[in-house]
Amino acid sequence: MRKTWSVSRGPIAATPADVEKASAINAMLCEPIGILPKAPGDPIRPFSLGLFNHIKTRLKPEFGVSALRRATAFYIFSKRYYFASAQPDSMRHDIDGKPVAPLTAADRAAAQKSFIEVKRRLEERRDGAVGRTRAKEDGDGQRPKAGERALRL
């Protein structure tokens, strides 16, 4: 493992996908939580330890805890959440989004490692998709017309 990052990238801004994940969590709650981004560009804030126990107290009766846990996992096991948590100046936040404590060096190192792994997997998936697209275009690059049969050996 490389040494932990020493230069901060500043607040990590939420993307539309991050906001969509956050909205899915808030849709399950009686009252939205302030730690989650509301719009693209809002900062992604690492959760304080044990925060899920506070979040689930706001769960609407028609939703199960396991559905909330899955929605929360989609958010916190994301590349940008790991990136935000790996920053040298990253802080944990309470349910309202207020900073409460810095992440430990061990937590930042784990987040950095997870960020690099998720990034690598996404790049492999992207490269694999490009490879499959190219394989379809091998040969003359033409698809057989309707009614014709193409024999490829």
Foldseek 3Di string as FASTA:
>chain_A
DDAADDDFPPFQWDDPVLLVLQVVLQVQFPHRFQQGDNDTGDGNAAADPPQLVVSCVRGDPVDDSVVNVVSVCVNCLDLSNLSLLLGPAHFHAHRNNHGDGRDDSVRNVVSVVSNVVNVVVVVVVVVVVVVVVVVVCPDVNDDDDPPDDDDDD
